[in-house]
Protein backbone atom coordinates (compact mmCIF):
# COMPACT_ATOMS: atom_id res chain seq x y z
CA MET A 1 23.77 0.06 6.24
CA SER A 2 20.38 1.33 7.42
CA LYS A 3 17.40 -0.99 7.47
CA ILE A 4 15.65 1.39 5.07
CA SER A 5 18.09 0.69 2.25
CA VAL A 6 18.21 -3.08 2.79
CA ARG A 7 16.91 -4.93 -0.27
CA ALA A 8 15.25 -8.34 -0.43
CA LYS A 9 13.67 -10.53 -3.10
CA PHE A 10 10.09 -9.59 -3.85
CA GLY A 11 8.24 -12.85 -3.24
CA GLY A 12 9.26 -15.41 -5.84
CA GLN A 13 10.42 -12.77 -8.34
CA ASN A 14 13.93 -12.58 -9.75
CA TRP A 15 14.25 -8.94 -8.66
CA ASP A 16 14.62 -7.29 -5.29
CA SER A 17 13.40 -4.10 -3.66
CA THR A 18 13.74 -2.12 -0.47
CA ILE A 19 11.56 -3.54 2.30
CA LEU A 20 10.28 -0.07 3.17
CA GLY A 21 8.06 1.52 0.54
CA PHE A 22 6.77 5.01 -0.18
CA GLY A 23 2.98 5.32 -0.27
CA THR A 24 1.51 8.12 -2.36
CA VAL A 25 -2.04 8.53 -1.02
CA PRO A 26 -1.16 11.90 0.61
CA LEU A 27 0.40 13.09 -2.68
CA GLY A 28 -3.04 12.80 -4.26
CA ASN A 29 -4.46 15.51 -1.97
CA PHE A 30 -6.33 13.05 0.23
CA GLY A 31 -8.69 15.09 2.40
CA LYS A 32 -6.71 18.30 2.01
CA PRO A 33 -4.31 19.78 -0.53
CA MET A 34 -0.54 19.25 -0.55
CA ASP A 35 1.55 21.74 -2.47
CA SER A 36 3.92 20.51 -5.16
CA SER A 37 7.08 21.46 -3.26
CA THR A 38 6.02 19.42 -0.23
CA ALA A 39 5.25 16.44 -2.45
CA HIS A 40 8.63 16.74 -4.16
CA ASN A 41 10.46 17.10 -0.84
CA LEU A 42 8.79 14.00 0.61
CA ILE A 43 9.83 11.87 -2.36
CA GLU A 44 13.32 13.38 -2.39
CA ARG A 45 13.85 12.74 1.33
CA ALA A 46 12.63 9.16 0.97
CA TRP A 47 15.04 8.64 -1.93
CA ASP A 48 17.93 10.18 0.00
CA ASP A 49 17.13 7.89 2.95
CA GLY A 50 17.33 4.83 0.68
CA VAL A 51 13.71 4.05 -0.25
CA ARG A 52 13.40 2.68 -3.79
CA PHE A 53 9.88 1.19 -3.81
CA PHE A 54 6.98 3.48 -4.74
CA ASP A 55 3.29 2.55 -4.62
CA THR A 56 0.67 4.62 -6.40
CA ALA A 57 -2.66 4.37 -8.26
CA PRO A 58 -4.70 6.39 -10.78
CA MET A 59 -7.32 6.84 -8.05
CA TYR A 60 -4.92 8.80 -5.82
CA GLY A 61 -5.83 12.35 -6.69
CA HIS A 62 -7.32 11.33 -10.06
CA GLY A 63 -3.85 10.93 -11.55
CA LEU A 64 -2.11 13.57 -9.43
CA ALA A 65 -0.02 11.13 -7.37
CA GLU A 66 1.28 9.42 -10.50
CA TYR A 67 2.20 12.78 -12.07
CA ARG A 68 4.04 13.85 -8.91
CA LEU A 69 6.04 10.64 -8.84
CA MET A 70 7.05 11.13 -12.47
CA ASP A 71 8.16 14.68 -11.71
CA PHE A 72 10.82 13.32 -9.36
CA LEU A 73 11.67 9.92 -10.85
CA LEU A 74 11.90 10.86 -14.52
CA ASN A 75 15.63 11.61 -14.35
CA LYS A 76 16.52 8.59 -12.21
CA LYS A 77 17.78 5.36 -13.75
CA ARG A 78 14.70 3.18 -14.23
CA GLU A 79 16.44 0.04 -12.97
CA ASP A 80 17.24 1.78 -9.67
CA TYR A 81 13.67 1.81 -8.34
CA GLN A 82 10.43 -0.20 -8.36
CA LEU A 83 7.00 1.15 -9.31
CA VAL A 84 3.61 -0.23 -8.30
CA THR A 85 0.35 1.06 -9.73
CA LYS A 86 -3.19 -0.24 -10.07
CA VAL A 87 -5.99 -0.84 -12.55
CA GLY A 88 -9.77 -0.89 -12.41
CA ARG A 89 -10.45 2.82 -12.81
CA THR A 90 -10.28 4.79 -16.06
CA LEU A 91 -9.61 8.52 -15.89
CA LEU A 92 -11.69 10.53 -18.36
CA PRO A 93 -11.37 14.28 -19.07
CA ALA A 94 -14.23 16.22 -17.47
CA LYS A 95 -15.02 19.84 -16.65
CA PRO A 96 -14.26 20.69 -13.00
CA GLY A 97 -17.43 20.79 -10.94
CA THR A 98 -19.20 18.16 -13.03
CA PHE A 99 -17.88 15.20 -11.03
CA ASP A 100 -17.34 14.28 -7.38
CA SER A 101 -13.67 13.80 -6.52
CA ALA A 102 -14.13 13.21 -2.76
CA PRO A 103 -12.12 12.41 -0.70
CA TRP A 104 -9.52 13.89 -3.08
CA VAL A 105 -9.37 17.68 -3.38
CA ASP A 106 -7.94 20.01 -6.04
CA THR A 107 -7.56 17.18 -8.54
CA PRO A 108 -6.75 17.36 -12.25
CA PRO A 109 -9.87 17.54 -14.49
CA PHE A 110 -10.46 13.81 -14.77
CA LYS A 111 -13.48 11.88 -13.58
CA ILE A 112 -13.23 8.22 -12.61
CA GLU A 113 -15.16 5.30 -14.11
CA PHE A 114 -14.75 1.74 -12.89
CA ASP A 115 -13.72 -0.67 -15.62
CA TYR A 116 -12.26 -4.12 -14.95
CA SER A 117 -12.59 -5.30 -18.56
CA TYR A 118 -9.71 -6.60 -20.69
CA ASP A 119 -9.73 -3.60 -23.04
CA GLY A 120 -10.26 -1.14 -20.21
CA VAL A 121 -7.25 -2.42 -18.31
CA MET A 122 -5.06 -2.35 -21.40
CA ARG A 123 -5.93 1.34 -21.76
CA GLN A 124 -5.40 2.04 -18.06
CA VAL A 125 -1.91 0.52 -18.06
CA GLU A 126 -0.93 2.58 -21.10
CA ASP A 127 -2.29 5.72 -19.42
CA SER A 128 -0.31 5.01 -16.23
CA LEU A 129 2.87 4.36 -18.19
CA GLN A 130 2.48 7.84 -19.67
CA ARG A 131 1.63 9.56 -16.37
CA LEU A 132 4.60 7.84 -14.69
CA GLY A 133 7.02 8.46 -17.54
CA THR A 134 8.14 4.85 -17.85
CA TYR A 135 8.05 1.99 -20.32
CA TYR A 136 7.44 -0.83 -17.83
CA LEU A 137 5.93 -1.39 -14.39
CA ASP A 138 7.25 -3.66 -11.67
CA VAL A 139 3.87 -4.49 -10.13
CA VAL A 140 0.33 -3.82 -11.34
CA LEU A 141 -2.56 -4.63 -9.01
CA ILE A 142 -6.28 -4.97 -9.72
CA HIS A 143 -7.72 -2.37 -7.37
CA ASP A 144 -10.65 -2.56 -4.97
CA THR A 145 -12.72 -5.56 -6.09
CA ASP A 146 -14.09 -5.76 -2.56
CA ARG A 147 -17.09 -4.97 -0.35
CA TRP A 148 -15.35 -1.86 1.00
CA THR A 149 -15.62 -0.28 -2.45
CA HIS A 150 -18.53 -1.99 -4.23
CA GLY A 151 -20.81 -3.22 -1.45
CA ASP A 152 -23.22 -5.91 -2.63
CA ASP A 153 -21.86 -5.61 -6.19
CA TYR A 154 -18.37 -6.70 -5.21
CA GLN A 155 -18.74 -10.30 -6.44
CA ALA A 156 -19.79 -9.15 -9.92
CA ARG A 157 -16.86 -6.74 -10.01
CA PHE A 158 -14.47 -9.46 -8.86
CA ASP A 159 -15.77 -11.87 -11.51
CA GLU A 160 -15.39 -9.16 -14.16
CA ALA A 161 -11.79 -8.61 -13.03
CA VAL A 162 -10.93 -12.31 -13.17
CA ALA A 163 -12.43 -12.63 -16.66
CA GLY A 164 -10.99 -9.39 -18.04
CA ALA A 165 -8.41 -7.47 -16.03
CA ALA A 166 -6.46 -10.52 -14.92
CA LYS A 167 -6.16 -11.85 -18.47
CA ALA A 168 -4.95 -8.46 -19.69
CA LEU A 169 -2.29 -8.34 -16.97
CA VAL A 170 -1.13 -11.89 -17.71
CA LYS A 171 -0.62 -10.85 -21.35
CA LEU A 172 1.28 -7.73 -20.31
CA ARG A 173 3.40 -9.83 -17.96
CA ASP A 174 4.18 -12.22 -20.81
CA GLU A 175 5.17 -9.22 -22.93
CA LYS A 176 7.38 -7.90 -20.08
CA VAL A 177 5.51 -4.62 -19.87
CA VAL A 178 4.68 -5.69 -16.30
CA LYS A 179 6.86 -7.85 -14.08
CA ALA A 180 4.35 -8.92 -11.42
CA ILE A 181 0.55 -8.86 -11.16
CA GLY A 182 -2.00 -9.23 -8.40
CA PHE A 183 -4.76 -7.53 -6.41
CA GLY A 184 -4.92 -4.59 -4.04
CA VAL A 185 -7.95 -5.04 -1.80
CA ASN A 186 -9.06 -4.46 1.79
CA GLU A 187 -10.50 -7.89 2.57
CA VAL A 188 -8.68 -11.17 3.17
CA ASP A 189 -11.34 -13.46 1.69
CA VAL A 190 -11.18 -11.58 -1.63
CA CYS A 191 -7.42 -12.13 -1.71
CA LEU A 192 -7.92 -15.83 -1.03
CA SER A 193 -10.42 -16.08 -3.89
CA ALA A 194 -7.94 -14.34 -6.19
CA LEU A 195 -5.19 -16.71 -5.07
CA ASP A 196 -7.40 -19.64 -6.11
CA GLN A 197 -8.41 -18.22 -9.50
CA VAL A 198 -5.51 -16.12 -10.84
CA ASP A 199 -1.77 -16.72 -11.28
CA VAL A 200 -0.86 -13.81 -9.02
CA ASN A 201 2.59 -12.64 -7.93
CA ALA A 202 1.55 -10.01 -5.39
CA PHE A 203 -1.11 -8.58 -3.11
CA LEU A 204 -1.42 -5.23 -1.45
CA ILE A 205 -3.33 -5.55 1.81
CA ALA A 206 -4.50 -2.59 3.87
CA GLY A 207 -5.09 -2.83 7.59
CA THR A 208 -5.35 -6.62 7.78
CA TYR A 209 -1.87 -7.42 9.10
CA THR A 210 -1.23 -4.95 11.90
CA LEU A 211 -0.95 -5.07 15.67
CA LEU A 212 -4.71 -4.46 15.81
CA ASN A 213 -5.86 -6.76 13.00
CA GLN A 214 -3.87 -9.90 12.26
CA SER A 215 -6.49 -11.68 10.15
CA ALA A 216 -4.27 -11.92 7.06
CA GLY A 217 -1.70 -13.89 9.05
CA ARG A 218 -3.95 -16.90 9.63
CA GLU A 219 -4.27 -18.23 6.07
CA LEU A 220 -3.38 -15.64 3.44
CA LEU A 221 0.24 -14.99 4.42
CA PRO A 222 1.21 -18.68 4.84
CA ARG A 223 -0.40 -19.60 1.51
CA CYS A 224 1.30 -16.70 -0.25
CA HIS A 225 4.64 -17.66 1.27
CA ALA A 226 4.24 -21.21 -0.04
CA ARG A 227 3.37 -19.87 -3.51
CA GLY A 228 6.10 -17.23 -3.68
CA VAL A 229 3.55 -14.42 -3.71
CA GLY A 230 4.83 -11.13 -2.28
CA ILE A 231 2.70 -9.07 0.10
CA ILE A 232 2.80 -5.28 0.20
CA ASN A 233 1.51 -4.27 3.63
CA GLY A 234 -0.27 -0.92 3.90
CA ARG A 235 -2.19 1.10 6.50
CA VAL A 236 0.03 -0.45 9.18
CA PHE A 237 -0.78 2.28 11.72
CA GLY A 238 -4.52 1.56 11.54
CA SER A 239 -4.93 4.98 9.86
CA GLY A 240 -3.52 6.71 12.92
CA ILE A 241 -3.82 5.27 16.40
CA LEU A 242 -0.74 3.03 16.23
CA ALA A 243 1.33 6.11 15.39
CA THR A 244 -0.28 8.63 17.74
CA GLY A 245 -1.08 6.30 20.62
CA SER A 246 -4.31 6.13 22.60
CA ALA A 247 -4.72 9.87 23.14
CA GLU A 248 -8.23 11.31 22.98
CA GLY A 249 -9.49 11.61 19.42
CA ALA A 250 -7.09 9.01 18.01
CA LYS A 251 -8.19 7.66 14.63
CA PHE A 252 -8.77 4.05 13.59
CA ASP A 253 -9.96 3.17 10.08
CA TYR A 254 -10.46 6.87 9.31
CA ALA A 255 -12.84 7.48 12.25
CA VAL A 256 -12.50 8.16 15.96
CA ALA A 257 -11.23 4.93 17.50
CA PRO A 258 -13.89 2.94 19.39
CA ARG A 259 -13.40 2.24 23.08
CA GLU A 260 -12.33 -1.39 22.62
CA ILE A 261 -9.61 -0.40 20.14
CA VAL A 262 -8.30 2.28 22.51
CA ALA A 263 -8.20 -0.29 25.33
CA LYS A 264 -6.23 -2.73 23.19
CA VAL A 265 -3.76 -0.05 22.16
CA GLN A 266 -3.23 0.81 25.82
CA LYS A 267 -2.19 -2.80 26.44
CA PHE A 268 0.41 -2.51 23.68
CA GLU A 269 1.56 0.79 25.17
CA GLU A 270 2.16 -0.86 28.55
CA VAL A 271 4.46 -3.49 27.05
CA CYS A 272 6.21 -0.90 24.88
CA LYS A 273 6.86 1.27 27.93
CA SER A 274 8.39 -1.62 29.87
CA TYR A 275 10.83 -2.30 27.00
CA GLU A 276 11.39 1.40 26.18
CA ILE A 277 10.13 0.89 22.63
CA SER A 278 7.97 3.31 20.68
CA LEU A 279 4.48 2.08 19.83
CA GLY A 280 5.07 3.27 16.26
CA ALA A 281 8.25 1.19 16.04
CA ALA A 282 6.38 -1.90 17.23
CA ALA A 283 3.62 -1.25 14.68
CA ILE A 284 5.82 -0.75 11.63
CA GLN A 285 8.21 -3.59 12.47
CA PHE A 286 5.44 -6.06 13.28
CA ALA A 287 3.97 -5.28 9.86
CA ALA A 288 7.24 -6.43 8.26
CA ARG A 289 7.61 -9.65 10.27
CA GLY A 290 4.97 -11.89 8.70
CA PRO A 291 5.70 -14.62 6.17
CA ALA A 292 5.46 -13.40 2.55
CA ILE A 293 5.68 -9.73 3.56
CA ALA A 294 7.85 -8.18 0.84
CA ASN A 295 7.24 -4.52 1.57
CA VAL A 296 5.78 -2.21 4.19
CA CYS A 297 4.40 0.90 2.53
CA ILE A 298 4.21 4.16 4.49
CA GLY A 299 2.58 7.39 3.34
CA SER A 300 3.25 10.68 5.13
CA ARG A 301 1.89 14.21 4.92
CA THR A 302 4.95 15.97 6.34
CA ILE A 303 8.71 15.53 6.46
CA GLU A 304 8.41 15.29 10.26
CA GLN A 305 5.95 12.37 10.04
CA GLN A 306 8.09 10.62 7.47
CA THR A 307 11.30 11.09 9.47
CA GLU A 308 9.62 9.71 12.58
CA SER A 309 8.28 6.66 10.72
CA TYR A 310 11.71 5.91 9.27
CA ALA A 311 13.29 6.23 12.73
CA TRP A 312 10.73 3.73 14.05
CA PHE A 313 11.69 1.34 11.26
CA GLU A 314 15.35 1.60 12.32
CA GLN A 315 14.75 1.18 16.07
CA SER A 316 16.19 -1.99 17.59
CA ILE A 317 13.56 -4.33 19.07
CA PRO A 318 14.62 -7.46 20.98
CA ASP A 319 13.02 -10.86 20.42
CA GLU A 320 11.89 -10.80 24.05
CA PHE A 321 9.50 -7.96 23.25
CA TRP A 322 7.67 -10.00 20.63
CA ALA A 323 7.63 -12.99 22.96
CA GLU A 324 6.02 -10.83 25.65
CA LEU A 325 3.31 -9.65 23.24
CA LYS A 326 2.62 -13.25 22.30
CA LYS A 327 2.53 -14.34 25.95
CA LYS A 328 -0.07 -11.65 26.63
CA GLN A 329 -2.01 -12.86 23.55
CA LEU A 330 -1.69 -9.48 21.88
CA ILE A 331 -0.17 -11.03 18.75
CA GLU A 332 -0.79 -14.45 17.26
């Protein structure tokens, strides 16, 4: 059996999922358009390779990513796959050209309004159920209550989510419309605050447990492991450089990688070369090694990218390699 199709318990839940997940940011026309046939082919190839865990959000293409998932999954048995989506943004019909959809292009005619209230989240979940063509969701995450998204207003947004969105999701979990609830944010301290204030089952973290940033591993992952909270790990290639290597123009956090990041990647490349291991394989498999990690979510623009990522996930890596990285203080 391939590693891709291996299933494991999701945190402390009574259900399991594939450890490798399918991320749908590219399906939402992030930065540039993707035609419908390419989107369908990416999902189909992932399914054929054994992936059964799909992460999406209303934000991704203003509903487009959710629609594209439904287009493929509608005729599959619902119990055969897991769906993750998010709340915090309401999609409202609007005339094209009257709203800013950046960084998403060629979106459906829906503008986005933030809303972390109880009633708002109840509406958002119902809307997502319809866009995804399902009657229940495996995981629903409160999306982007962090500085990355809201700047100085993040604390007010977080408090609004705890008072409203979280209570709505607890009710939906009690009613079995949702199996697991949590937060999807870019900052570790926001996750820790949520862990203290909400009965969460899951987090989606992005870029905070990778070869280049291991901050989530110091406190968040051990505490989640002790609580039975599952972690979905995203942006594991640092938005590019851990997949492409340290070549000129490599991207880190959606910008050209700074000199110190390039230098650190070159140190990883040296160890990878000595063990004949791909840097991408080290990146994706490290992202799956931490305590509480329940899923590593990968989004691809092309079949070639996706095939390469899946091959990296399958590559055999000896324990000595990880020991060498630790000895060189490249991983904690």
